């Protein structure tokens, strides 16, 4: 999707009363640069976006890295204004070629409604390869944080609220549309690197396709509620202000209408971190603790057992779909992304875990559905 089309969409959003006008710039920032080389370009971008800063000396700007994941780079820009105030904003730079796996139009449509509902940072501006948002004074969580009971309860409560947000437009769940799009792209790659190509050729895409069809059919029997889902609730997409105890959800790039159990199952998979240590996947008791605070945030101990069991089955079946989604995503990134991360190995880690978990999860779901 071209930048002009995105900007037009944002201007329409501003005019329809859903949010203030969004500033825009055609400038882009080369994400392959080191921070010292990148900083002058970020400052130039800020001056282009914010005319009130255009005449300030560059020495009044400070640029630092907030976090660098395997998709985006987050920068904090602090500006010492002439009034003496120090203003801070967040500049989010998209990873190169992420348009192959992310629907930016869908993201921009949702972000203003999520922001109005109190989620994430406020969207201030967009530019050639990123966006500017209000600065959140908080730290990103670690995989260890996500297991702490107090934070588990808070994440569950916040997710309950998140899933109540109404995003105008189609309510069609996107999971299978997105997975099959990924499958088409992932199954038609060719790598210049001989070792990557050799590994790629060991993958049976017929097997994966059969797995997708079987799982789609089974999950369809669960009648999982449809919600607007985050779809990427890993530790790096939570921020916590330790002093205030305030938790924030950020980065809605993969957000869409989807199945409730998918969002939760995907979150549980992320307990494993980028290292994919699936021994950290939450036990049934740990999951039930989460479910209680998700289903009845104000009265977690009053959740009926049948509701806990239903959500347990739903979550641990859709958990399998999460592995397939991110495995195929990893293959596409292995071809498209210049980021120094072994995406090919990531595919195998996710797909192998899918195969390891498949039989027990599917058996559980089938027993539940047949009442046996």
Protein backbone atom coordinates (compact mmCIF):
# COMPACT_ATOMS: atom_id res chain seq x y z
CA UNK A 1 0.00 0.00 0.00
CA UNK A 2 1.48 3.35 -1.06
CA UNK A 3 2.26 6.11 1.42
CA UNK A 4 -0.16 8.51 -0.30
CA UNK A 5 -3.03 6.05 0.14
CA UNK A 6 -2.19 5.62 3.83
CA UNK A 7 -2.08 9.37 4.38
CA UNK A 8 -5.42 9.81 2.61
CA UNK A 9 -6.91 7.13 4.83
CA UNK A 10 -5.59 8.92 7.91
CA UNK A 11 -6.99 12.26 6.74
CA UNK A 12 -10.41 10.67 6.27
CA UNK A 13 -10.12 9.20 9.76
CA UNK A 14 -9.42 12.67 11.13
CA UNK A 15 -12.38 14.15 9.27
CA UNK A 16 -14.89 11.50 10.39
CA UNK A 17 -14.55 12.61 13.99
CA UNK A 18 -12.57 9.61 15.18
CA UNK A 19 -9.46 11.54 16.05
CA UNK A 20 -7.40 14.68 15.51
CA UNK A 21 -5.54 15.37 12.28
CA UNK A 22 -2.51 13.17 11.74
CA UNK A 23 0.64 14.84 10.46
CA UNK A 24 2.60 13.21 7.66
CA UNK A 25 5.96 13.37 5.92
CA UNK A 26 7.35 11.54 2.87
CA UNK A 27 10.74 11.20 4.57
CA UNK A 28 12.07 7.76 5.54
CA UNK A 29 14.90 6.70 7.87
CA UNK A 30 17.38 3.99 6.91
CA UNK A 31 17.05 1.35 9.63
CA UNK A 32 20.36 -0.28 8.69
CA UNK A 33 22.31 2.72 10.04
CA UNK A 34 23.92 2.82 13.47
CA UNK A 35 22.16 5.04 16.01
CA UNK A 36 24.78 7.87 15.70
CA UNK A 37 24.33 7.90 11.90
CA UNK A 38 20.57 7.52 12.14
CA UNK A 39 20.05 10.34 14.66
CA UNK A 40 20.54 13.32 12.28
CA UNK A 41 17.98 11.78 9.90
CA UNK A 42 15.50 11.25 12.75
CA UNK A 43 15.98 14.87 13.82
CA UNK A 44 15.41 16.03 10.22
CA UNK A 45 12.21 13.97 10.15
CA UNK A 46 10.97 15.52 13.40
CA UNK A 47 11.64 19.02 12.11
CA UNK A 48 9.74 18.21 8.92
CA UNK A 49 6.75 16.86 10.85
CA UNK A 50 6.64 19.47 13.60
CA UNK A 51 7.06 23.01 12.27
CA UNK A 52 7.35 24.33 15.83
CA UNK A 53 10.67 22.46 16.06
CA UNK A 54 11.94 23.30 12.57
CA UNK A 55 14.17 26.19 13.69
CA UNK A 56 15.63 24.50 16.77
CA UNK A 57 19.31 23.62 16.77
CA UNK A 58 20.03 19.91 16.42
CA UNK A 59 21.77 19.98 19.80
CA UNK A 60 18.34 20.38 21.42
CA UNK A 61 17.36 16.87 20.24
CA UNK A 62 18.37 13.63 21.93
CA UNK A 63 17.68 10.27 20.23
CA UNK A 64 17.93 6.95 22.06
CA UNK A 65 16.82 3.38 21.48
CA UNK A 66 13.82 2.18 23.51
CA UNK A 67 13.75 -1.33 22.10
CA UNK A 68 14.69 -3.21 18.98
CA UNK A 69 12.60 -6.28 18.28
CA UNK A 70 12.67 -8.55 15.27
CA UNK A 71 10.16 -6.41 13.39
CA UNK A 72 10.41 -2.78 14.57
CA UNK A 73 12.85 -0.32 16.07
CA UNK A 74 11.52 2.04 18.74
CA UNK A 75 13.30 5.33 19.37
CA UNK A 76 12.72 7.96 22.03
CA UNK A 77 13.26 11.52 20.83
CA UNK A 78 13.52 14.18 23.54
CA UNK A 79 13.36 17.84 22.53
CA UNK A 80 14.53 20.71 24.74
CA UNK A 81 12.12 23.41 23.59
CA UNK A 82 12.83 27.14 23.73
CA UNK A 83 10.27 27.46 26.52
CA UNK A 84 12.44 25.20 28.66
CA UNK A 85 10.02 22.27 28.44
CA UNK A 86 11.37 18.88 27.43
CA UNK A 87 8.97 17.08 25.09
CA UNK A 88 9.38 13.37 24.34
CA UNK A 89 7.89 11.32 21.50
CA UNK A 90 8.32 7.77 20.24
CA UNK A 91 9.44 7.17 16.67
CA UNK A 92 8.61 3.65 15.48
CA UNK A 93 10.58 2.50 12.44
CA UNK A 94 9.15 -0.43 10.55
CA UNK A 95 11.48 -3.30 9.77
CA UNK A 96 12.42 -3.54 6.08
CA UNK A 97 9.95 -5.46 3.89
CA UNK A 98 7.42 -5.83 6.71
CA UNK A 99 4.66 -4.96 4.23
CA UNK A 100 4.90 -8.61 3.13
CA UNK A 101 3.49 -9.73 6.49
CA UNK A 102 1.64 -6.68 7.89
CA UNK A 103 -1.50 -4.95 6.64
CA UNK A 104 -0.76 -1.29 7.47
CA UNK A 105 -4.17 -0.09 6.31
CA UNK A 106 -5.85 -2.45 8.78
CA UNK A 107 -3.50 -1.29 11.52
CA UNK A 108 -4.16 2.41 10.95
CA UNK A 109 -7.92 1.85 10.85
CA UNK A 110 -7.88 0.12 14.23
CA UNK A 111 -5.32 2.24 16.05
CA UNK A 112 -7.50 5.35 16.46
CA UNK A 113 -10.32 3.36 18.05
CA UNK A 114 -7.94 1.47 20.33
CA UNK A 115 -6.29 4.72 21.33
CA UNK A 116 -9.69 6.28 22.09
CA UNK A 117 -10.43 3.27 24.32
CA UNK A 118 -7.21 3.91 26.26
CA UNK A 119 -4.91 1.34 24.65
CA UNK A 120 -1.41 2.04 23.41
CA UNK A 121 0.20 5.35 22.65
CA UNK A 122 -1.56 8.15 20.79
CA UNK A 123 -0.81 8.25 17.06
CA UNK A 124 0.63 11.68 16.20
CA UNK A 125 2.16 11.33 12.73
CA UNK A 126 3.13 8.93 9.98
CA UNK A 127 6.09 9.04 7.61
CA UNK A 128 7.72 7.01 4.85
CA UNK A 129 8.62 3.96 6.93
CA UNK A 130 7.09 4.45 10.33
CA UNK A 131 4.93 6.40 12.72
CA UNK A 132 5.31 8.86 15.59
CA UNK A 133 3.41 8.23 18.81
CA UNK A 134 3.17 9.78 22.24
CA UNK A 135 5.90 8.61 24.60
CA UNK A 136 4.95 6.06 27.26
CA UNK A 137 7.10 6.37 30.36
CA UNK A 138 7.45 2.66 31.04
CA UNK A 139 9.66 -0.35 30.39
CA UNK A 140 8.94 -3.34 28.18
CA UNK A 141 8.24 -6.61 29.97
CA UNK A 142 10.52 -9.65 29.92
CA UNK A 143 9.29 -13.25 29.49
CA UNK A 144 9.89 -13.70 33.24
CA UNK A 145 7.58 -10.75 34.02
CA UNK A 146 4.69 -12.33 32.14
CA UNK A 147 4.62 -15.24 34.61
CA UNK A 148 4.35 -13.11 37.76
CA UNK A 149 0.86 -13.68 39.28
CA UNK A 150 0.14 -9.99 39.82
CA UNK A 151 1.01 -9.16 36.21
CA UNK A 152 -0.76 -12.27 34.87
CA UNK A 153 -3.96 -11.03 36.53
CA UNK A 154 -3.47 -7.50 35.17
CA UNK A 155 -2.75 -8.72 31.62
CA UNK A 156 -5.90 -10.89 31.77
CA UNK A 157 -8.04 -7.97 33.00
CA UNK A 158 -6.65 -5.63 30.34
CA UNK A 159 -7.19 -8.24 27.63
CA UNK A 160 -10.82 -8.60 28.74
CA UNK A 161 -11.22 -4.83 28.16
CA UNK A 162 -9.28 -4.94 24.90
CA UNK A 163 -11.59 -7.62 23.55
CA UNK A 164 -14.59 -5.36 24.25
CA UNK A 165 -13.36 -2.63 21.87
CA UNK A 166 -15.56 -2.23 18.81
CA UNK A 167 -13.71 -1.53 15.56
CA UNK A 168 -16.09 -0.41 12.77
CA UNK A 169 -16.02 -2.35 9.52
CA UNK A 170 -15.94 -6.03 8.69
CA UNK A 171 -16.05 -8.41 11.65
CA UNK A 172 -14.79 -11.34 9.58
CA UNK A 173 -12.12 -13.28 11.50
CA UNK A 174 -8.78 -12.97 9.73
CA UNK A 175 -6.84 -15.93 11.13
CA UNK A 176 -7.31 -18.38 8.29
CA UNK A 177 -7.20 -15.70 5.59
CA UNK A 178 -3.86 -14.53 6.95
CA UNK A 179 -2.42 -18.01 7.48
CA UNK A 180 -3.29 -19.17 3.95
CA UNK A 181 -1.83 -15.94 2.51
CA UNK A 182 1.36 -16.67 4.45
CA UNK A 183 1.27 -20.26 3.21
CA UNK A 184 1.12 -19.13 -0.44
CA UNK A 185 4.07 -16.78 0.03
CA UNK A 186 6.10 -19.19 2.16
CA UNK A 187 5.67 -22.12 -0.20
CA UNK A 188 7.02 -20.21 -3.22
CA UNK A 189 10.37 -18.92 -1.99
CA UNK A 190 13.87 -19.32 -3.37
CA UNK A 191 16.96 -18.47 -1.33
CA UNK A 192 20.28 -17.19 -2.67
CA UNK A 193 22.00 -18.67 0.38
CA UNK A 194 22.68 -22.36 -0.42
CA UNK A 195 22.39 -23.49 3.18
CA UNK A 196 19.03 -21.75 3.62
CA UNK A 197 17.82 -23.25 0.34
CA UNK A 198 18.88 -26.73 1.46
CA UNK A 199 16.95 -26.38 4.72
CA UNK A 200 13.96 -24.91 2.89
CA UNK A 201 13.81 -27.90 0.55
CA UNK A 202 13.41 -30.27 3.52
CA UNK A 203 10.00 -28.71 4.31
CA UNK A 204 6.88 -30.57 3.17
CA UNK A 205 4.37 -27.90 2.25
CA UNK A 206 1.78 -30.55 1.42
CA UNK A 207 2.06 -31.74 5.02
CA UNK A 208 1.64 -28.19 6.32
CA UNK A 209 -1.35 -27.60 4.05
CA UNK A 210 -3.02 -30.77 5.30
CA UNK A 211 -2.34 -29.70 8.91
CA UNK A 212 -3.93 -26.31 8.25
CA UNK A 213 -7.07 -27.82 6.74
CA UNK A 214 -7.48 -30.29 9.61
CA UNK A 215 -6.99 -27.63 12.26
CA UNK A 216 -9.30 -25.14 10.54
CA UNK A 217 -12.06 -27.75 10.43
CA UNK A 218 -11.66 -28.71 14.09
CA UNK A 219 -11.45 -25.16 15.46
CA UNK A 220 -14.59 -24.31 13.51
CA UNK A 221 -16.50 -26.71 15.76
CA UNK A 222 -15.50 -24.83 18.92
CA UNK A 223 -17.67 -21.76 18.22
CA UNK A 224 -15.07 -19.50 19.77
CA UNK A 225 -16.26 -15.91 20.33
CA UNK A 226 -15.06 -13.32 17.83
CA UNK A 227 -13.24 -10.31 19.27
CA UNK A 228 -10.89 -7.64 18.04
CA UNK A 229 -7.65 -9.41 18.93
CA UNK A 230 -4.13 -8.09 19.40
CA UNK A 231 -2.65 -11.30 17.92
CA UNK A 232 0.91 -10.56 19.07
CA UNK A 233 0.91 -10.44 22.87
CA UNK A 234 4.59 -11.13 23.45
CA UNK A 235 6.57 -9.51 26.26
CA UNK A 236 7.89 -6.71 24.03
CA UNK A 237 4.34 -5.52 23.35
CA UNK A 238 3.60 -4.85 27.02
CA UNK A 239 4.98 -1.83 28.82
CA UNK A 240 4.89 -1.32 32.58
CA UNK A 241 5.34 1.80 34.65
CA UNK A 242 6.70 0.20 37.82
CA UNK A 243 6.08 3.25 40.02
CA UNK A 244 2.41 3.58 39.06
CA UNK A 245 1.88 -0.14 38.42
CA UNK A 246 0.27 0.81 35.09
CA UNK A 247 0.35 -1.71 32.25
CA UNK A 248 0.15 -0.74 28.58
CA UNK A 249 -0.55 -2.81 25.45
CA UNK A 250 1.40 -1.50 22.45
CA UNK A 251 1.97 -2.28 18.74
CA UNK A 252 -1.24 -3.32 17.02
CA UNK A 253 0.37 -4.28 13.71
CA UNK A 254 -1.18 -7.73 13.64
CA UNK A 255 -4.49 -6.72 15.23
CA UNK A 256 -7.68 -7.96 13.58
CA UNK A 257 -11.02 -9.51 14.32
CA UNK A 258 -10.16 -13.00 15.37
CA UNK A 259 -10.99 -15.88 17.69
CA UNK A 260 -10.71 -15.23 21.42
CA UNK A 261 -8.83 -18.48 22.05
CA UNK A 262 -6.26 -17.64 19.39
CA UNK A 263 -5.27 -14.39 21.09
CA UNK A 264 -4.89 -16.11 24.46
CA UNK A 265 -3.17 -19.22 23.09
CA UNK A 266 -0.75 -17.05 21.14
CA UNK A 267 0.01 -15.12 24.33
CA UNK A 268 0.73 -18.33 26.24
CA UNK A 269 3.10 -19.46 23.49
CA UNK A 270 5.04 -16.23 24.00
CA UNK A 271 5.93 -17.23 27.57
CA UNK A 272 8.71 -19.14 25.78
CA UNK A 273 10.43 -15.94 24.54
CA UNK A 274 12.41 -15.67 21.30
CA UNK A 275 14.50 -18.63 22.43
CA UNK A 276 11.34 -20.76 22.19
CA UNK A 277 11.79 -22.50 25.54
CA UNK A 278 8.41 -24.21 25.55
CA UNK A 279 8.99 -25.74 28.96
CA UNK A 280 7.76 -22.29 30.09
CA UNK A 281 4.32 -22.78 28.52
CA UNK A 282 1.82 -22.26 31.38
CA UNK A 283 0.44 -25.29 33.22
CA UNK A 284 -3.30 -25.92 33.44
CA UNK A 285 -3.44 -24.32 36.91
CA UNK A 286 -1.57 -21.26 35.62
CA UNK A 287 -3.93 -21.00 32.68
CA UNK A 288 -6.98 -21.27 34.91
CA UNK A 289 -5.61 -18.41 37.04
CA UNK A 290 -5.39 -16.28 33.87
CA UNK A 291 -8.85 -17.38 32.69
CA UNK A 292 -10.49 -16.45 36.00
CA UNK A 293 -9.19 -12.88 35.79
CA UNK A 294 -10.01 -12.68 32.09
CA UNK A 295 -13.58 -14.01 32.28
CA UNK A 296 -14.66 -12.24 35.50
CA UNK A 297 -12.11 -9.53 36.37
CA UNK A 298 -14.12 -8.33 39.37
CA UNK A 299 -15.01 -11.79 40.73
CA UNK A 300 -12.31 -14.20 39.50
CA UNK A 301 -13.15 -16.87 42.08
CA UNK A 302 -16.75 -17.10 40.88
CA UNK A 303 -16.03 -18.31 37.34
CA UNK A 304 -17.94 -21.58 36.74
CA UNK A 305 -15.80 -24.67 36.13
CA UNK A 306 -17.52 -25.34 32.80
CA UNK A 307 -16.43 -21.89 31.54
CA UNK A 308 -12.84 -22.56 32.59
CA UNK A 309 -12.84 -25.91 30.83
CA UNK A 310 -14.35 -24.48 27.64
CA UNK A 311 -11.78 -21.69 27.45
CA UNK A 312 -8.97 -24.16 28.23
CA UNK A 313 -9.97 -26.35 25.27
CA UNK A 314 -10.46 -23.34 23.01
CA UNK A 315 -7.11 -21.80 23.94
CA UNK A 316 -5.05 -24.97 23.64
CA UNK A 317 -6.50 -25.82 20.24
CA UNK A 318 -5.94 -22.36 18.78
CA UNK A 319 -2.46 -22.42 20.34
CA UNK A 320 -1.59 -24.84 17.52
CA UNK A 321 -2.73 -22.32 14.91
CA UNK A 322 -0.44 -19.74 16.50
CA UNK A 323 2.56 -22.02 15.92
CA UNK A 324 1.66 -22.47 12.25
CA UNK A 325 1.05 -18.73 11.75
CA UNK A 326 4.43 -17.70 13.14
CA UNK A 327 6.28 -20.63 11.55
CA UNK A 328 5.14 -19.53 8.09
CA UNK A 329 5.82 -15.89 9.03
CA UNK A 330 9.37 -16.92 9.93
CA UNK A 331 9.95 -18.44 6.48
CA UNK A 332 8.82 -15.25 4.74
CA UNK A 333 11.03 -13.16 7.03
CA UNK A 334 13.96 -15.50 6.36
CA UNK A 335 13.73 -14.41 2.73
CA UNK A 336 12.69 -10.76 3.13
CA UNK A 337 14.18 -9.40 6.35
CA UNK A 338 17.78 -8.08 6.63
CA UNK A 339 17.52 -8.16 10.45
CA UNK A 340 20.16 -10.34 12.09
CA UNK A 341 17.87 -13.07 13.38
CA UNK A 342 17.72 -16.74 12.37
CA UNK A 343 14.19 -16.77 11.00
CA UNK A 344 14.73 -20.11 9.26
CA UNK A 345 15.57 -21.74 12.58
CA UNK A 346 12.57 -19.97 14.08
CA UNK A 347 10.34 -21.73 11.53
CA UNK A 348 11.63 -25.13 12.61
CA UNK A 349 11.32 -24.32 16.32
CA UNK A 350 7.68 -23.30 15.91
CA UNK A 351 6.72 -26.08 13.51
CA UNK A 352 8.40 -28.77 15.59
CA UNK A 353 6.58 -27.55 18.70
CA UNK A 354 3.31 -27.65 16.75
CA UNK A 355 3.97 -31.29 15.87
CA UNK A 356 4.95 -32.10 19.46
CA UNK A 357 1.77 -30.59 20.89
CA UNK A 358 -0.64 -31.56 18.11
CA UNK A 359 -1.78 -35.00 19.18
CA UNK A 360 -2.54 -34.22 22.82
CA UNK A 361 -4.27 -30.91 22.02
CA UNK A 362 -6.42 -32.34 19.24
CA UNK A 363 -7.36 -35.39 21.29
CA UNK A 364 -8.43 -33.11 24.14
CA UNK A 365 -10.57 -31.01 21.80
CA UNK A 366 -12.20 -34.04 20.15
CA UNK A 367 -13.02 -35.62 23.54
CA UNK A 368 -14.55 -32.35 24.69
CA UNK A 369 -16.64 -31.96 21.53
CA UNK A 370 -17.96 -35.54 21.68
CA UNK A 371 -18.52 -35.38 25.44
CA UNK A 372 -16.41 -38.50 25.97
